[in-house]
Amino acid sequence: MPAPRSVTSRRRLRQVASVALVAACLVGLGFSAWYRETYGVFPGQGASQRLHWCGRDYQALAGTAMTWRQISAQEPWPVHVVDLFPPLGFSKEALFASINPAIAKMPPGGITSCTTVIYVRLGPNRYQPYSLLGGP
C-alpha cells in the first residue's frame, strides 16, 4: 500500500528544506572566507593588523599611537575621513588619510587615489598608522 499523500509531501518538504539549509550554509561559509581574505577579519570583527582600503592592503606600523597633531604635522595635505572599516564590523572605525583637496570632495568610498599611510581612530586623539604593503 503506498504512503498517504500528506506523508509524501511532508517528506519532500523536509528534503527541500534540508537542501536549502545546506546551500545557505555553504553560501555563508563562502562569503565569510572571501570577506576574511579581502579584509583580514571575519564579518562582525573590528580592525586587525592588516586593512584593505582603496583596493590595496595596509599593515599596522609598530609603535605607539599617534595624536592628531603628530599626523597633521607630517602629512602634505589635510587629513580626512575616507571610509569606515571594516564594512560589516559591529564597531566600525573611521579611516583617515591625507589626500589631495580636489579628491577629498568625493564621497567616502569614492576615493580613487591611494595614499601610502592611513590612520584608524583608536580613541580620543589616538590614531594607529597603517603603511601600504607592496609597491605602486
N, C-alpha and C. Protein backbone atom coordinates (compact mmCIF):
# COMPACT_ATOMS: atom_id res chain seq x y z
N MET A 1 0.84 -1.17 0.00
CA MET A 1 0.00 0.00 0.00
C MET A 1 0.89 1.24 0.00
N PRO A 2 0.69 2.20 -0.92
CA PRO A 2 1.52 3.40 -0.99
C PRO A 2 1.28 4.32 0.22
N ALA A 3 2.31 5.13 0.52
CA ALA A 3 2.21 6.09 1.64
C ALA A 3 1.17 7.14 1.31
N PRO A 4 0.46 7.62 2.35
CA PRO A 4 -0.53 8.67 2.11
C PRO A 4 0.14 9.92 1.52
N ARG A 5 -0.65 10.66 0.78
CA ARG A 5 -0.15 11.84 0.08
C ARG A 5 0.46 12.86 1.03
N SER A 6 -0.12 13.09 2.21
CA SER A 6 0.40 14.08 3.15
C SER A 6 1.76 13.67 3.70
N VAL A 7 1.99 12.37 3.90
CA VAL A 7 3.30 11.90 4.39
C VAL A 7 4.35 12.14 3.32
N THR A 8 4.04 11.85 2.07
CA THR A 8 4.97 12.05 0.97
C THR A 8 5.30 13.53 0.79
N SER A 9 4.29 14.39 0.88
CA SER A 9 4.55 15.82 0.70
C SER A 9 5.36 16.39 1.87
N ARG A 10 5.13 15.88 3.10
CA ARG A 10 5.95 16.34 4.24
C ARG A 10 7.40 15.90 4.08
N ARG A 11 7.58 14.68 3.62
CA ARG A 11 8.94 14.16 3.41
C ARG A 11 9.64 15.00 2.34
N ARG A 12 8.94 15.32 1.27
CA ARG A 12 9.51 16.14 0.20
C ARG A 12 9.84 17.54 0.71
N LEU A 13 8.96 18.11 1.53
CA LEU A 13 9.19 19.43 2.11
C LEU A 13 10.43 19.42 3.00
N ARG A 14 10.60 18.37 3.80
CA ARG A 14 11.81 18.24 4.63
C ARG A 14 13.07 18.14 3.79
N GLN A 15 13.00 17.40 2.70
CA GLN A 15 14.16 17.26 1.82
C GLN A 15 14.53 18.61 1.19
N VAL A 16 13.53 19.34 0.73
CA VAL A 16 13.79 20.65 0.13
C VAL A 16 14.35 21.61 1.17
N ALA A 17 13.79 21.59 2.38
CA ALA A 17 14.29 22.46 3.46
C ALA A 17 15.73 22.11 3.82
N SER A 18 16.05 20.83 3.85
CA SER A 18 17.41 20.40 4.17
C SER A 18 18.40 20.87 3.11
N VAL A 19 18.02 20.71 1.84
CA VAL A 19 18.90 21.16 0.75
C VAL A 19 19.09 22.67 0.81
N ALA A 20 18.01 23.42 1.08
CA ALA A 20 18.10 24.87 1.18
C ALA A 20 19.00 25.29 2.34
N LEU A 21 18.89 24.60 3.47
CA LEU A 21 19.73 24.91 4.63
C LEU A 21 21.20 24.65 4.33
N VAL A 22 21.50 23.54 3.71
CA VAL A 22 22.89 23.23 3.35
C VAL A 22 23.42 24.26 2.36
N ALA A 23 22.61 24.63 1.37
CA ALA A 23 23.04 25.63 0.39
C ALA A 23 23.30 26.98 1.06
N ALA A 24 22.41 27.38 1.98
CA ALA A 24 22.61 28.65 2.69
C ALA A 24 23.87 28.63 3.53
N CYS A 25 24.15 27.50 4.16
CA CYS A 25 25.38 27.38 4.96
C CYS A 25 26.62 27.47 4.08
N LEU A 26 26.59 26.83 2.92
CA LEU A 26 27.73 26.89 2.00
C LEU A 26 27.94 28.31 1.47
N VAL A 27 26.87 29.00 1.15
CA VAL A 27 26.98 30.39 0.69
C VAL A 27 27.55 31.26 1.81
N GLY A 28 27.05 31.08 3.04
CA GLY A 28 27.55 31.85 4.19
C GLY A 28 29.02 31.58 4.45
N LEU A 29 29.43 30.32 4.38
CA LEU A 29 30.85 29.99 4.58
C LEU A 29 31.71 30.57 3.47
N GLY A 30 31.23 30.50 2.23
CA GLY A 30 31.98 31.07 1.11
C GLY A 30 32.13 32.57 1.25
N PHE A 31 31.05 33.25 1.63
CA PHE A 31 31.11 34.69 1.83
C PHE A 31 32.07 35.04 2.96
N SER A 32 32.00 34.31 4.07
CA SER A 32 32.90 34.57 5.20
C SER A 32 34.35 34.37 4.81
N ALA A 33 34.63 33.34 4.02
CA ALA A 33 36.01 33.09 3.58
C ALA A 33 36.49 34.23 2.68
N TRP A 34 35.64 34.66 1.73
CA TRP A 34 36.02 35.78 0.86
C TRP A 34 36.24 37.06 1.67
N TYR A 35 35.34 37.36 2.59
CA TYR A 35 35.44 38.56 3.41
C TYR A 35 36.73 38.54 4.23
N ARG A 36 37.05 37.39 4.83
CA ARG A 36 38.28 37.24 5.63
C ARG A 36 39.51 37.47 4.76
N GLU A 37 39.49 36.91 3.55
CA GLU A 37 40.63 37.07 2.64
C GLU A 37 40.78 38.52 2.20
N THR A 38 39.67 39.20 1.95
CA THR A 38 39.70 40.58 1.47
C THR A 38 40.04 41.57 2.56
N TYR A 39 39.38 41.47 3.73
CA TYR A 39 39.50 42.48 4.78
C TYR A 39 40.36 42.05 5.97
N GLY A 40 40.79 40.80 6.02
CA GLY A 40 41.67 40.35 7.10
C GLY A 40 40.94 40.05 8.40
N VAL A 41 39.62 40.15 8.42
CA VAL A 41 38.81 39.84 9.60
C VAL A 41 37.53 39.17 9.12
N PHE A 42 36.87 38.48 10.03
CA PHE A 42 35.57 37.90 9.71
C PHE A 42 34.49 38.95 9.88
N PRO A 43 33.35 38.80 9.19
CA PRO A 43 32.26 39.76 9.37
C PRO A 43 31.91 39.92 10.85
N GLY A 44 31.77 41.16 11.28
CA GLY A 44 31.43 41.44 12.67
C GLY A 44 32.63 41.80 13.53
N GLN A 45 33.84 41.48 13.08
CA GLN A 45 35.04 41.81 13.86
C GLN A 45 35.48 43.24 13.55
N GLY A 46 36.28 43.80 14.47
CA GLY A 46 36.85 45.12 14.26
C GLY A 46 38.12 45.05 13.43
N ALA A 47 38.79 46.17 13.31
CA ALA A 47 40.02 46.25 12.52
C ALA A 47 41.11 45.38 13.11
N SER A 48 41.96 44.84 12.26
CA SER A 48 43.06 43.99 12.71
C SER A 48 44.39 44.67 12.37
N GLN A 49 45.45 43.91 12.33
CA GLN A 49 46.77 44.44 12.00
C GLN A 49 46.94 44.70 10.50
N ARG A 50 46.02 44.20 9.70
CA ARG A 50 46.07 44.42 8.26
C ARG A 50 44.71 44.93 7.80
N LEU A 51 44.72 46.00 7.01
CA LEU A 51 43.49 46.60 6.50
C LEU A 51 43.49 46.57 4.98
N HIS A 52 42.31 46.55 4.42
CA HIS A 52 42.15 46.61 2.97
C HIS A 52 41.34 47.87 2.66
N TRP A 53 41.93 48.78 1.91
CA TRP A 53 41.25 50.01 1.52
C TRP A 53 41.76 50.45 0.17
N CYS A 54 40.90 51.00 -0.65
CA CYS A 54 41.30 51.56 -1.94
C CYS A 54 41.90 50.47 -2.85
N GLY A 55 41.45 49.24 -2.65
CA GLY A 55 41.97 48.13 -3.45
C GLY A 55 43.37 47.71 -3.08
N ARG A 56 43.89 48.20 -1.96
CA ARG A 56 45.26 47.90 -1.52
C ARG A 56 45.25 47.39 -0.09
N ASP A 57 46.34 46.74 0.32
CA ASP A 57 46.49 46.25 1.69
C ASP A 57 47.46 47.13 2.46
N TYR A 58 47.12 47.36 3.72
CA TYR A 58 47.93 48.18 4.62
C TYR A 58 48.23 47.38 5.88
N GLN A 59 49.44 47.54 6.41
CA GLN A 59 49.88 46.85 7.62
C GLN A 59 50.09 47.87 8.74
N ALA A 60 49.62 47.52 9.95
CA ALA A 60 49.80 48.43 11.10
C ALA A 60 51.30 48.62 11.36
N LEU A 61 51.68 49.86 11.62
CA LEU A 61 53.07 50.16 11.95
C LEU A 61 53.30 49.91 13.44
N ALA A 62 54.44 49.36 13.76
CA ALA A 62 54.78 49.10 15.16
C ALA A 62 54.99 50.42 15.89
N GLY A 63 54.73 50.40 17.17
CA GLY A 63 54.94 51.62 17.96
C GLY A 63 53.64 52.09 18.58
N THR A 64 53.73 53.22 19.20
CA THR A 64 52.57 53.75 19.89
C THR A 64 51.67 54.51 18.95
N ALA A 65 50.47 54.74 19.41
CA ALA A 65 49.51 55.50 18.61
C ALA A 65 49.96 56.95 18.48
N MET A 66 49.47 57.59 17.45
CA MET A 66 49.83 58.98 17.18
C MET A 66 48.67 59.90 17.57
N THR A 67 48.98 61.17 17.78
CA THR A 67 47.94 62.17 18.04
C THR A 67 47.59 62.86 16.73
N TRP A 68 46.48 63.58 16.73
CA TRP A 68 46.07 64.32 15.54
C TRP A 68 47.13 65.35 15.14
N ARG A 69 47.72 66.00 16.13
CA ARG A 69 48.76 67.00 15.86
C ARG A 69 49.97 66.36 15.17
N GLN A 70 50.39 65.18 15.62
CA GLN A 70 51.52 64.49 15.00
C GLN A 70 51.20 64.11 13.55
N ILE A 71 50.00 63.62 13.33
CA ILE A 71 49.60 63.22 11.98
C ILE A 71 49.56 64.44 11.06
N SER A 72 48.91 65.49 11.51
CA SER A 72 48.78 66.70 10.69
C SER A 72 50.12 67.33 10.36
N ALA A 73 51.08 67.23 11.28
CA ALA A 73 52.40 67.83 11.07
C ALA A 73 53.21 67.09 10.01
N GLN A 74 52.98 65.80 9.84
CA GLN A 74 53.83 65.04 8.90
C GLN A 74 53.17 64.81 7.54
N GLU A 75 51.90 65.12 7.38
CA GLU A 75 51.23 64.86 6.11
C GLU A 75 51.23 66.09 5.21
N PRO A 76 51.37 65.89 3.89
CA PRO A 76 51.44 67.03 2.97
C PRO A 76 50.10 67.73 2.73
N TRP A 77 49.00 67.01 2.85
CA TRP A 77 47.67 67.57 2.63
C TRP A 77 46.81 67.35 3.86
N PRO A 78 45.69 68.02 3.95
CA PRO A 78 44.80 67.82 5.10
C PRO A 78 44.36 66.36 5.21
N VAL A 79 44.17 65.92 6.43
CA VAL A 79 43.75 64.54 6.70
C VAL A 79 42.23 64.52 6.85
N HIS A 80 41.59 63.59 6.14
CA HIS A 80 40.14 63.49 6.12
C HIS A 80 39.70 62.06 6.41
N VAL A 81 38.45 61.91 6.84
CA VAL A 81 37.84 60.58 6.91
C VAL A 81 37.61 60.13 5.47
N VAL A 82 38.10 58.95 5.12
CA VAL A 82 37.94 58.45 3.76
C VAL A 82 37.04 57.23 3.67
N ASP A 83 36.83 56.56 4.81
CA ASP A 83 35.98 55.37 4.79
C ASP A 83 35.77 54.88 6.21
N LEU A 84 34.94 53.86 6.35
CA LEU A 84 34.75 53.17 7.63
C LEU A 84 35.23 51.74 7.45
N PHE A 85 35.83 51.17 8.48
CA PHE A 85 36.38 49.82 8.37
C PHE A 85 36.07 49.05 9.63
N PRO A 86 35.83 47.77 9.53
CA PRO A 86 35.51 47.02 8.32
C PRO A 86 34.07 47.26 7.90
N PRO A 87 33.75 47.03 6.63
CA PRO A 87 32.40 47.34 6.15
C PRO A 87 31.28 46.64 6.92
N LEU A 88 31.49 45.42 7.36
CA LEU A 88 30.46 44.68 8.09
C LEU A 88 30.83 44.48 9.56
N GLY A 89 31.66 45.35 10.11
CA GLY A 89 32.04 45.24 11.51
C GLY A 89 30.95 45.77 12.43
N PHE A 90 30.83 45.19 13.61
CA PHE A 90 29.86 45.69 14.58
C PHE A 90 30.28 47.06 15.10
N SER A 91 31.59 47.26 15.22
CA SER A 91 32.09 48.58 15.60
C SER A 91 33.01 49.06 14.47
N LYS A 92 32.50 49.96 13.68
CA LYS A 92 33.28 50.45 12.54
C LYS A 92 34.19 51.58 12.99
N GLU A 93 35.44 51.49 12.58
CA GLU A 93 36.41 52.54 12.88
C GLU A 93 36.56 53.44 11.66
N ALA A 94 36.73 54.72 11.90
CA ALA A 94 36.94 55.67 10.82
C ALA A 94 38.37 55.55 10.30
N LEU A 95 38.50 55.53 8.97
CA LEU A 95 39.81 55.53 8.32
C LEU A 95 40.11 56.96 7.88
N PHE A 96 41.30 57.42 8.20
CA PHE A 96 41.73 58.77 7.84
C PHE A 96 42.91 58.66 6.89
N ALA A 97 42.99 59.61 5.95
CA ALA A 97 44.13 59.65 5.04
C ALA A 97 44.36 61.08 4.60
N SER A 98 45.61 61.36 4.28
CA SER A 98 46.00 62.66 3.72
C SER A 98 45.83 62.56 2.22
N ILE A 99 44.87 63.30 1.70
CA ILE A 99 44.61 63.23 0.26
C ILE A 99 44.50 64.63 -0.32
N ASN A 100 44.77 64.70 -1.61
CA ASN A 100 44.70 65.96 -2.33
C ASN A 100 43.32 66.58 -2.11
N PRO A 101 43.23 67.88 -1.81
CA PRO A 101 41.94 68.52 -1.55
C PRO A 101 40.91 68.36 -2.68
N ALA A 102 41.34 68.27 -3.91
CA ALA A 102 40.40 68.08 -5.02
C ALA A 102 39.75 66.70 -4.94
N ILE A 103 40.51 65.71 -4.51
CA ILE A 103 39.98 64.35 -4.38
C ILE A 103 39.14 64.22 -3.12
N ALA A 104 39.46 64.99 -2.10
CA ALA A 104 38.77 64.89 -0.81
C ALA A 104 37.29 65.22 -0.90
N LYS A 105 36.87 65.90 -1.94
CA LYS A 105 35.46 66.27 -2.09
C LYS A 105 34.59 65.09 -2.50
N MET A 106 35.20 63.99 -2.86
CA MET A 106 34.44 62.81 -3.26
C MET A 106 33.81 62.18 -2.01
N PRO A 107 32.70 61.46 -2.18
CA PRO A 107 32.06 60.82 -1.03
C PRO A 107 32.93 59.69 -0.47
N PRO A 108 32.74 59.32 0.84
CA PRO A 108 33.51 58.20 1.40
C PRO A 108 33.34 56.95 0.53
N GLY A 109 34.42 56.25 0.31
CA GLY A 109 34.41 55.07 -0.54
C GLY A 109 34.63 55.39 -2.01
N GLY A 110 34.61 56.66 -2.40
CA GLY A 110 34.77 57.04 -3.79
C GLY A 110 36.16 57.53 -4.13
N ILE A 111 37.10 57.42 -3.20
CA ILE A 111 38.46 57.89 -3.42
C ILE A 111 39.14 56.98 -4.44
N THR A 112 39.78 57.57 -5.43
CA THR A 112 40.43 56.78 -6.48
C THR A 112 41.94 56.84 -6.40
N SER A 113 42.49 57.71 -5.59
CA SER A 113 43.93 57.84 -5.44
C SER A 113 44.33 57.36 -4.05
N CYS A 114 45.13 56.32 -3.99
CA CYS A 114 45.51 55.72 -2.70
C CYS A 114 46.72 56.44 -2.11
N THR A 115 46.71 56.57 -0.81
CA THR A 115 47.84 57.16 -0.09
C THR A 115 48.72 56.04 0.45
N THR A 116 49.92 56.37 0.91
CA THR A 116 50.82 55.33 1.42
C THR A 116 50.62 55.05 2.90
N VAL A 117 49.99 55.97 3.63
CA VAL A 117 49.73 55.75 5.06
C VAL A 117 48.28 56.15 5.35
N ILE A 118 47.58 55.29 6.06
CA ILE A 118 46.24 55.60 6.53
C ILE A 118 46.23 55.47 8.05
N TYR A 119 45.22 56.02 8.68
CA TYR A 119 45.14 56.03 10.14
C TYR A 119 43.76 55.55 10.58
N VAL A 120 43.74 54.78 11.66
CA VAL A 120 42.49 54.31 12.25
C VAL A 120 42.35 54.95 13.62
N ARG A 121 41.19 55.52 13.88
CA ARG A 121 40.95 56.15 15.19
C ARG A 121 40.79 55.04 16.24
N LEU A 122 41.63 55.09 17.27
CA LEU A 122 41.57 54.13 18.37
C LEU A 122 40.75 54.66 19.54
N GLY A 123 40.71 55.95 19.67
CA GLY A 123 40.01 56.60 20.78
C GLY A 123 40.21 58.10 20.66
N PRO A 124 39.85 58.84 21.70
CA PRO A 124 40.02 60.29 21.65
C PRO A 124 41.49 60.66 21.42
N ASN A 125 41.75 61.32 20.30
CA ASN A 125 43.08 61.80 19.93
C ASN A 125 44.15 60.70 19.91
N ARG A 126 43.75 59.48 19.53
CA ARG A 126 44.68 58.35 19.38
C ARG A 126 44.41 57.68 18.04
N TYR A 127 45.44 57.58 17.21
CA TYR A 127 45.30 57.03 15.86
C TYR A 127 46.42 56.05 15.58
N GLN A 128 46.06 54.91 15.00
CA GLN A 128 47.05 53.88 14.63
C GLN A 128 47.39 54.06 13.16
N PRO A 129 48.69 54.26 12.84
CA PRO A 129 49.07 54.35 11.43
C PRO A 129 49.21 52.97 10.78
N TYR A 130 48.82 52.88 9.52
CA TYR A 130 48.96 51.67 8.70
C TYR A 130 49.69 52.07 7.44
N SER A 131 50.69 51.29 7.06
CA SER A 131 51.51 51.58 5.89
C SER A 131 51.13 50.67 4.73
N LEU A 132 51.19 51.20 3.52
CA LEU A 132 50.87 50.46 2.31
C LEU A 132 51.83 49.30 2.14
N LEU A 133 51.29 48.13 1.83
CA LEU A 133 52.12 46.95 1.55
C LEU A 133 52.38 46.86 0.05
N GLY A 134 53.55 46.46 -0.34
CA GLY A 134 53.87 46.31 -1.75
C GLY A 134 54.18 47.64 -2.41
N GLY A 135 54.42 47.58 -3.70
CA GLY A 135 54.76 48.79 -4.45
C GLY A 135 53.56 49.38 -5.16
N PRO A 136 53.78 50.44 -5.91
CA PRO A 136 52.68 51.10 -6.62
C PRO A 136 52.12 50.32 -7.73
